Amino acid sequence: MLIFPRLFLLTLVFWFSFNLWVTPAQASIKLNEQFKATASCSAFQSIRKRTNPGNIQTTPDTIYPVTAKNKEDATYYYLKIESASPSARWVSVNCGELVGTSIVEPTEPKSTDNLLAISWQPAFCETRPNKPECLTQTESRFDASNFSLHGLWPQPRDNVYCGVSDSIERIDRDKRWFELPDIELSEGLKKELAVKMPGYQSGLHLHEWYKHGTCYSATPEEYYQESLDLLDQVNNSVVRNLFVENIERDITANDIRNKFDEAFSNQAGNKVSIQCKRDNEPTRRNIITELKLNFMGDIESDTLVSDLFKNGENVSQGCYIGEVDRAGFD
């Protein structure tokens, strides 16, 4: 007669023991964040007992997933440390800082009003010579004779940081780009992006995704693949030829806009703005740094730039005349 009650009691004991083992303490509060360690700290299996199987320590500058904190005014975060067994560990909040989550809610609908910013990198480097991508630039590198990707920006201009946590936005605005959570890209795309977006060396790809890409599409892969497809079409046109054939010479906004008309029709030139800056001393040349292309329409991997120009916004020409700079510092 006592067998069933005893079995029931044993089942309850087992159930509670199991759930206490696989989850943080009941008083903990769930999180979906990432934690960047700034010091080497003990990673405890139990806060109260201070047990640390394997003597696991956090690694400075490493980012760990966070699933919980021990209380509202947290003193410990519950991290996942892949090299540990068990992998779930408690680490003091003083060991680093939360940097938000790299998970971004899909943007609905996908942005159809966009501005493509493409750089003439030699001119950019004249104004920012100490950037890593500028210190390594050569006349034989891709960006010495092709436009490079700055970014694809959903419009209007305040359409930024969609679904991004406050902590990530703060890091980005502080230009601490390499402290941003990494993004997932296929190996082929990552290699292509590193060539066609020289600012990759400075973490520009992370900045552009979190600020602009999150308002464009659901994944970095889609955002950058389609951005590069558009860039390639410009680089395979007479617009790029105009720049290459006039290195160290002045060209006008009309010259550039006429070439866009020739390449893409649909009064494409009226949708393009030219950006210039003064070179550093002593030359003070007016050099062309960037072109901004205004697009309207759905963008897919096979979308033609000429189609996107059809309903794009007419804009002012911007800079009237500027020099096409050569790679290297004058």
Protein backbone atom coordinates (compact mmCIF):
# COMPACT_ATOMS: atom_id res chain seq x y z
CA MET A 1 0.00 0.00 0.00
CA LEU A 2 2.99 2.35 0.53
CA ILE A 3 4.78 1.56 -2.73
CA PHE A 4 3.03 4.19 -4.87
CA PRO A 5 3.52 7.09 -2.42
CA ARG A 6 7.20 6.18 -2.06
CA LEU A 7 7.70 6.03 -5.85
CA PHE A 8 5.90 9.34 -6.25
CA LEU A 9 8.09 10.95 -3.57
CA LEU A 10 11.28 9.63 -5.17
CA THR A 11 10.16 10.95 -8.56
CA LEU A 12 9.58 14.43 -7.11
CA VAL A 13 13.01 14.43 -5.42
CA PHE A 14 14.68 13.38 -8.67
CA TRP A 15 12.81 16.02 -10.71
CA PHE A 16 13.74 18.88 -8.37
CA SER A 17 17.35 17.73 -8.13
CA PHE A 18 17.66 17.54 -11.90
CA ASN A 19 16.22 21.00 -12.50
CA LEU A 20 18.45 22.56 -9.86
CA TRP A 21 21.45 21.00 -11.61
CA VAL A 22 20.67 22.13 -15.17
CA THR A 23 19.49 25.68 -14.43
CA PRO A 24 20.84 28.65 -12.47
CA ALA A 25 19.51 29.36 -9.00
CA GLN A 26 15.76 30.04 -8.86
CA ALA A 27 16.41 33.62 -7.82
CA SER A 28 18.32 34.32 -11.05
CA ILE A 29 16.94 36.54 -13.81
CA LYS A 30 17.10 35.42 -17.45
CA LEU A 31 19.21 37.43 -19.93
CA ASN A 32 20.03 37.25 -23.62
CA GLU A 33 23.27 39.22 -23.67
CA GLN A 34 26.96 38.91 -24.31
CA PHE A 35 29.74 39.55 -21.79
CA LYS A 36 33.18 40.86 -22.71
CA ALA A 37 35.79 39.84 -20.14
CA THR A 38 38.33 42.50 -19.20
CA ALA A 39 40.27 40.36 -16.70
CA SER A 40 41.10 36.78 -15.83
CA CYS A 41 38.54 35.73 -13.20
CA SER A 42 37.38 32.49 -11.63
CA ALA A 43 34.32 30.90 -13.24
CA PHE A 44 32.30 29.18 -10.53
CA GLN A 45 29.87 26.32 -10.88
CA SER A 46 28.35 27.40 -7.56
CA ILE A 47 28.49 30.93 -6.16
CA ARG A 48 27.81 29.81 -2.60
CA LYS A 49 30.27 26.90 -2.56
CA ARG A 50 32.73 28.69 -4.90
CA THR A 51 33.43 25.45 -6.69
CA ASN A 52 35.39 25.71 -9.94
CA PRO A 53 35.88 22.32 -11.65
CA GLY A 54 38.93 22.53 -13.91
CA ASN A 55 40.02 25.83 -12.33
CA ILE A 56 38.44 27.71 -15.26
CA GLN A 57 39.32 31.41 -15.74
CA THR A 58 37.86 33.96 -18.12
CA THR A 59 40.12 35.21 -20.91
CA PRO A 60 40.46 39.00 -21.30
CA ASP A 61 38.94 40.47 -24.49
CA THR A 62 36.86 37.31 -25.02
CA ILE A 63 33.07 37.53 -25.48
CA TYR A 64 30.84 34.95 -23.78
CA PRO A 65 27.06 34.34 -24.07
CA VAL A 66 25.12 35.33 -20.94
CA THR A 67 21.89 33.56 -20.00
CA ALA A 68 21.17 34.98 -16.53
CA LYS A 69 22.22 37.21 -13.65
CA ASN A 70 21.98 36.23 -10.00
CA LYS A 71 19.66 39.12 -9.00
CA GLU A 72 18.32 42.46 -10.25
CA ASP A 73 21.32 44.37 -8.90
CA ALA A 74 23.64 41.70 -10.24
CA THR A 75 26.92 40.64 -8.68
CA TYR A 76 27.37 37.61 -10.96
CA TYR A 77 26.51 36.71 -14.55
CA TYR A 78 25.80 33.18 -15.73
CA LEU A 79 28.07 32.56 -18.74
CA LYS A 80 28.58 29.76 -21.22
CA ILE A 81 32.28 28.90 -21.46
CA GLU A 82 32.75 26.28 -24.19
CA SER A 83 36.07 24.98 -22.85
CA ALA A 84 34.65 24.30 -19.38
CA SER A 85 32.90 21.19 -18.08
CA PRO A 86 30.22 21.94 -17.14
CA SER A 87 30.17 24.93 -19.49
CA ALA A 88 27.68 27.06 -17.51
CA ARG A 89 29.55 29.20 -14.97
CA TRP A 90 29.04 32.18 -12.66
CA VAL A 91 31.47 35.08 -13.13
CA SER A 92 31.69 38.32 -11.14
CA VAL A 93 30.22 41.39 -12.86
CA ASN A 94 33.50 43.18 -12.06
CA CYS A 95 35.29 40.89 -14.49
CA GLY A 96 33.98 42.69 -17.58
CA GLU A 97 30.94 44.35 -19.14
CA LEU A 98 27.77 43.47 -20.99
CA VAL A 99 27.96 44.30 -24.68
CA GLY A 100 24.41 43.44 -25.66
CA THR A 101 23.33 40.70 -28.00
CA SER A 102 24.32 40.12 -31.63
CA ILE A 103 20.87 38.64 -32.29
CA VAL A 104 18.80 41.16 -34.25
CA GLU A 105 15.11 40.81 -34.92
CA PRO A 106 14.39 40.61 -38.68
CA THR A 107 13.42 43.90 -40.25
CA GLU A 108 9.96 43.84 -41.84
CA PRO A 109 9.54 44.78 -44.55
CA LYS A 110 12.99 44.84 -46.11
CA SER A 111 14.17 48.37 -46.87
CA THR A 112 13.38 49.59 -50.41
CA ASP A 113 14.66 53.17 -50.04
CA ASN A 114 18.45 53.00 -49.87
CA LEU A 115 21.61 54.99 -50.47
CA LEU A 116 24.76 53.23 -51.65
CA ALA A 117 27.94 55.03 -50.54
CA ILE A 118 31.04 54.03 -52.52
CA SER A 119 34.50 55.44 -51.80
CA TRP A 120 37.47 56.39 -53.92
CA GLN A 121 39.86 54.98 -51.35
CA PRO A 122 43.10 56.78 -52.32
CA ALA A 123 41.36 60.12 -51.64
CA PHE A 124 39.90 58.86 -48.36
CA CYS A 125 43.38 57.83 -47.28
CA GLU A 126 44.78 61.28 -48.05
CA THR A 127 42.45 62.61 -45.37
CA ARG A 128 42.89 59.67 -42.92
CA PRO A 129 46.47 58.46 -43.50
CA ASN A 130 46.85 56.68 -40.16
CA LYS A 131 43.97 54.26 -40.66
CA PRO A 132 45.21 50.62 -40.91
CA GLU A 133 43.73 50.20 -44.39
CA CYS A 134 45.56 53.33 -45.53
CA LEU A 135 48.93 52.40 -44.07
CA THR A 136 48.81 49.18 -46.11
CA GLN A 137 47.46 50.60 -49.38
CA THR A 138 49.46 50.03 -52.55
CA GLU A 139 48.95 50.96 -56.21
CA SER A 140 48.37 47.30 -57.06
CA ARG A 141 45.63 46.73 -54.49
CA PHE A 142 41.98 46.48 -55.58
CA ASP A 143 40.94 49.78 -54.03
CA ALA A 144 43.65 51.74 -55.85
CA SER A 145 41.73 51.44 -59.12
CA ASN A 146 38.19 50.48 -58.13
CA PHE A 147 35.44 51.96 -56.00
CA SER A 148 35.24 50.37 -52.57
CA LEU A 149 32.24 49.79 -50.33
CA HIS A 150 31.47 52.30 -47.60
CA GLY A 151 27.94 51.16 -46.91
CA LEU A 152 24.35 50.59 -48.00
CA TRP A 153 22.17 52.90 -45.92
CA PRO A 154 18.39 52.53 -45.55
CA GLN A 155 16.63 55.88 -45.74
CA PRO A 156 15.66 58.25 -44.25
CA ARG A 157 19.04 58.94 -42.64
CA ASP A 158 17.72 58.48 -39.07
CA ASN A 159 16.68 54.90 -39.89
CA VAL A 160 19.53 53.33 -37.90
CA TYR A 161 20.29 50.75 -35.15
CA CYS A 162 17.17 48.63 -35.71
CA GLY A 163 16.69 46.08 -32.92
CA VAL A 164 20.15 46.86 -31.55
CA SER A 165 20.68 47.00 -27.78
CA ASP A 166 21.63 50.28 -26.10
CA SER A 167 25.01 48.86 -25.08
CA ILE A 168 25.95 47.92 -28.65
CA GLU A 169 24.79 51.29 -29.96
CA ARG A 170 26.90 53.02 -27.31
CA ILE A 171 30.00 51.02 -28.25
CA ASP A 172 29.44 51.78 -31.92
CA ARG A 173 28.91 55.51 -31.40
CA ASP A 174 32.13 55.57 -29.36
CA LYS A 175 33.85 54.06 -32.43
CA ARG A 176 35.08 51.06 -30.41
CA TRP A 177 34.18 48.91 -33.39
CA PHE A 178 36.32 45.88 -32.55
CA GLU A 179 34.47 45.60 -29.24
CA LEU A 180 31.23 44.93 -31.13
CA PRO A 181 30.03 41.31 -31.26
CA ASP A 182 31.32 39.53 -34.34
CA ILE A 183 28.91 38.86 -37.22
CA GLU A 184 28.36 35.61 -39.08
CA LEU A 185 29.50 35.63 -42.71
CA SER A 186 30.38 32.76 -45.04
CA GLU A 187 34.13 32.38 -45.61
CA GLY A 188 33.88 33.34 -49.28
CA LEU A 189 31.93 36.51 -48.56
CA LYS A 190 34.23 37.43 -45.69
CA LYS A 191 37.28 37.25 -47.97
CA GLU A 192 35.56 39.25 -50.72
CA LEU A 193 34.42 41.90 -48.26
CA ALA A 194 37.94 42.29 -46.85
CA VAL A 195 39.12 43.19 -50.38
CA LYS A 196 36.24 45.39 -51.52
CA MET A 197 35.71 47.14 -48.17
CA PRO A 198 39.25 48.14 -47.11
CA GLY A 199 37.82 49.59 -43.89
CA TYR A 200 37.30 45.95 -42.83
CA GLN A 201 40.77 46.32 -41.30
CA SER A 202 39.35 48.97 -38.96
CA GLY A 203 36.13 47.12 -38.11
CA LEU A 204 34.02 49.13 -40.57
CA HIS A 205 32.04 45.99 -41.49
CA LEU A 206 30.84 45.69 -37.88
CA HIS A 207 29.90 49.37 -37.66
CA GLU A 208 28.01 49.33 -40.94
CA TRP A 209 26.04 46.21 -40.01
CA TYR A 210 24.91 47.36 -36.58
CA LYS A 211 24.15 50.94 -37.60
CA HIS A 212 22.69 50.45 -41.08
CA GLY A 213 22.46 46.77 -42.01
CA THR A 214 20.11 45.92 -39.16
CA CYS A 215 17.56 48.26 -40.77
CA TYR A 216 18.05 46.69 -44.20
CA SER A 217 17.63 42.94 -43.77
CA ALA A 218 17.65 40.08 -41.30
CA THR A 219 21.21 38.83 -41.81
CA PRO A 220 24.71 40.28 -42.40
CA GLU A 221 25.18 37.72 -45.19
CA GLU A 222 22.26 39.11 -47.20
CA TYR A 223 23.19 42.72 -46.44
CA TYR A 224 26.79 42.42 -47.59
CA GLN A 225 26.22 40.08 -50.52
CA GLU A 226 23.70 42.47 -52.05
CA SER A 227 25.86 45.52 -51.25
CA LEU A 228 28.81 43.97 -53.09
CA ASP A 229 26.61 42.97 -56.04
CA LEU A 230 25.67 46.63 -56.49
CA LEU A 231 29.27 47.78 -56.07
CA ASP A 232 30.44 45.31 -58.73
CA GLN A 233 28.01 46.73 -61.27
CA VAL A 234 29.45 50.22 -60.83
CA ASN A 235 33.03 48.92 -60.99
CA ASN A 236 32.21 47.05 -64.22
CA SER A 237 30.90 50.21 -65.88
CA VAL A 238 32.23 53.25 -67.71
CA VAL A 239 31.97 55.19 -64.43
CA ARG A 240 34.94 53.33 -62.99
CA ASN A 241 36.77 53.70 -66.32
CA LEU A 242 36.32 57.48 -66.12
CA PHE A 243 38.08 57.57 -62.76
CA VAL A 244 40.93 55.23 -63.75
CA GLU A 245 41.60 57.12 -66.97
CA ASN A 246 41.76 60.45 -65.13
CA ILE A 247 43.94 59.67 -62.12
CA GLU A 248 45.73 62.86 -61.01
CA ARG A 249 43.40 64.96 -63.17
CA ASP A 250 40.25 66.94 -62.40
CA ILE A 251 36.82 65.74 -63.46
CA THR A 252 33.51 67.52 -62.98
CA ALA A 253 30.20 66.45 -61.51
CA ASN A 254 28.76 66.64 -65.03
CA ASP A 255 31.46 64.25 -66.28
CA ILE A 256 30.52 61.73 -63.60
CA ARG A 257 26.76 62.11 -63.95
CA ASN A 258 26.95 61.77 -67.73
CA LYS A 259 28.82 58.47 -67.33
CA PHE A 260 26.10 57.21 -64.98
CA ASP A 261 23.53 58.09 -67.65
CA GLU A 262 25.60 56.23 -70.24
CA ALA A 263 26.00 53.17 -68.01
CA PHE A 264 22.58 52.90 -66.39
CA SER A 265 20.20 55.31 -68.23
CA ASN A 266 16.97 56.25 -66.42
CA GLN A 267 18.49 59.69 -65.72
CA ALA A 268 20.76 57.88 -63.30
CA GLY A 269 23.18 60.81 -63.07
CA ASN A 270 20.53 62.97 -61.37
CA LYS A 271 20.40 60.42 -58.52
CA VAL A 272 24.15 60.66 -57.77
CA SER A 273 25.86 63.08 -55.38
CA ILE A 274 29.63 63.67 -55.47
CA GLN A 275 31.57 64.23 -52.24
CA CYS A 276 34.93 66.05 -52.12
CA LYS A 277 37.40 67.08 -49.43
CA ARG A 278 40.46 69.26 -49.29
CA ASP A 279 43.74 67.37 -49.24
CA ASN A 280 46.07 67.80 -46.29
CA GLU A 281 48.71 70.49 -46.39
CA PRO A 282 50.60 71.65 -48.37
CA THR A 283 48.75 70.86 -51.62
CA ARG A 284 45.16 71.60 -50.50
CA ARG A 285 43.80 69.89 -53.60
CA ASN A 286 40.05 69.31 -53.89
CA ILE A 287 39.84 65.52 -54.19
CA ILE A 288 36.82 63.28 -54.85
CA THR A 289 36.31 60.97 -51.87
CA GLU A 290 32.91 59.36 -52.40
CA LEU A 291 29.84 58.92 -54.56
CA LYS A 292 26.35 58.51 -53.09
CA LEU A 293 23.80 56.66 -55.22
CA ASN A 294 20.09 57.00 -54.40
CA PHE A 295 18.08 53.85 -55.07
CA MET A 296 14.43 52.88 -54.79
CA GLY A 297 13.10 49.35 -55.09
CA ASP A 298 13.50 45.77 -53.88
CA ILE A 299 17.11 44.60 -53.92
CA GLU A 300 17.98 40.96 -54.54
CA SER A 301 21.20 39.27 -55.62
CA ASP A 302 20.36 39.77 -59.32
CA THR A 303 18.82 43.28 -59.14
CA LEU A 304 20.12 45.70 -61.75
CA VAL A 305 21.40 49.10 -60.66
CA SER A 306 19.60 50.62 -63.66
CA ASP A 307 16.27 49.38 -62.27
CA LEU A 308 16.97 50.87 -58.84
CA PHE A 309 17.79 54.25 -60.37
CA LYS A 310 14.37 54.47 -62.09
CA ASN A 311 12.52 55.71 -59.03
CA GLY A 312 15.49 56.95 -57.05
CA GLU A 313 15.43 60.45 -55.63
CA ASN A 314 16.93 63.31 -57.66
CA VAL A 315 19.63 65.01 -55.58
CA SER A 316 22.01 67.93 -55.86
CA GLN A 317 25.29 67.19 -57.58
CA GLY A 318 27.36 68.03 -54.52
CA CYS A 319 30.98 68.82 -55.34
CA TYR A 320 31.32 70.62 -58.71
CA ILE A 321 34.88 69.53 -59.59
CA GLY A 322 37.59 67.42 -57.99
CA GLU A 323 40.78 65.52 -58.64
CA VAL A 324 40.93 61.72 -58.93
CA ASP A 325 43.65 60.87 -56.44
CA ARG A 326 46.37 58.25 -56.96
CA ALA A 327 47.10 55.65 -54.29
CA GLY A 328 49.91 56.76 -51.98
CA PHE A 329 50.49 59.94 -50.02
CA ASP A 330 51.44 63.19 -51.78
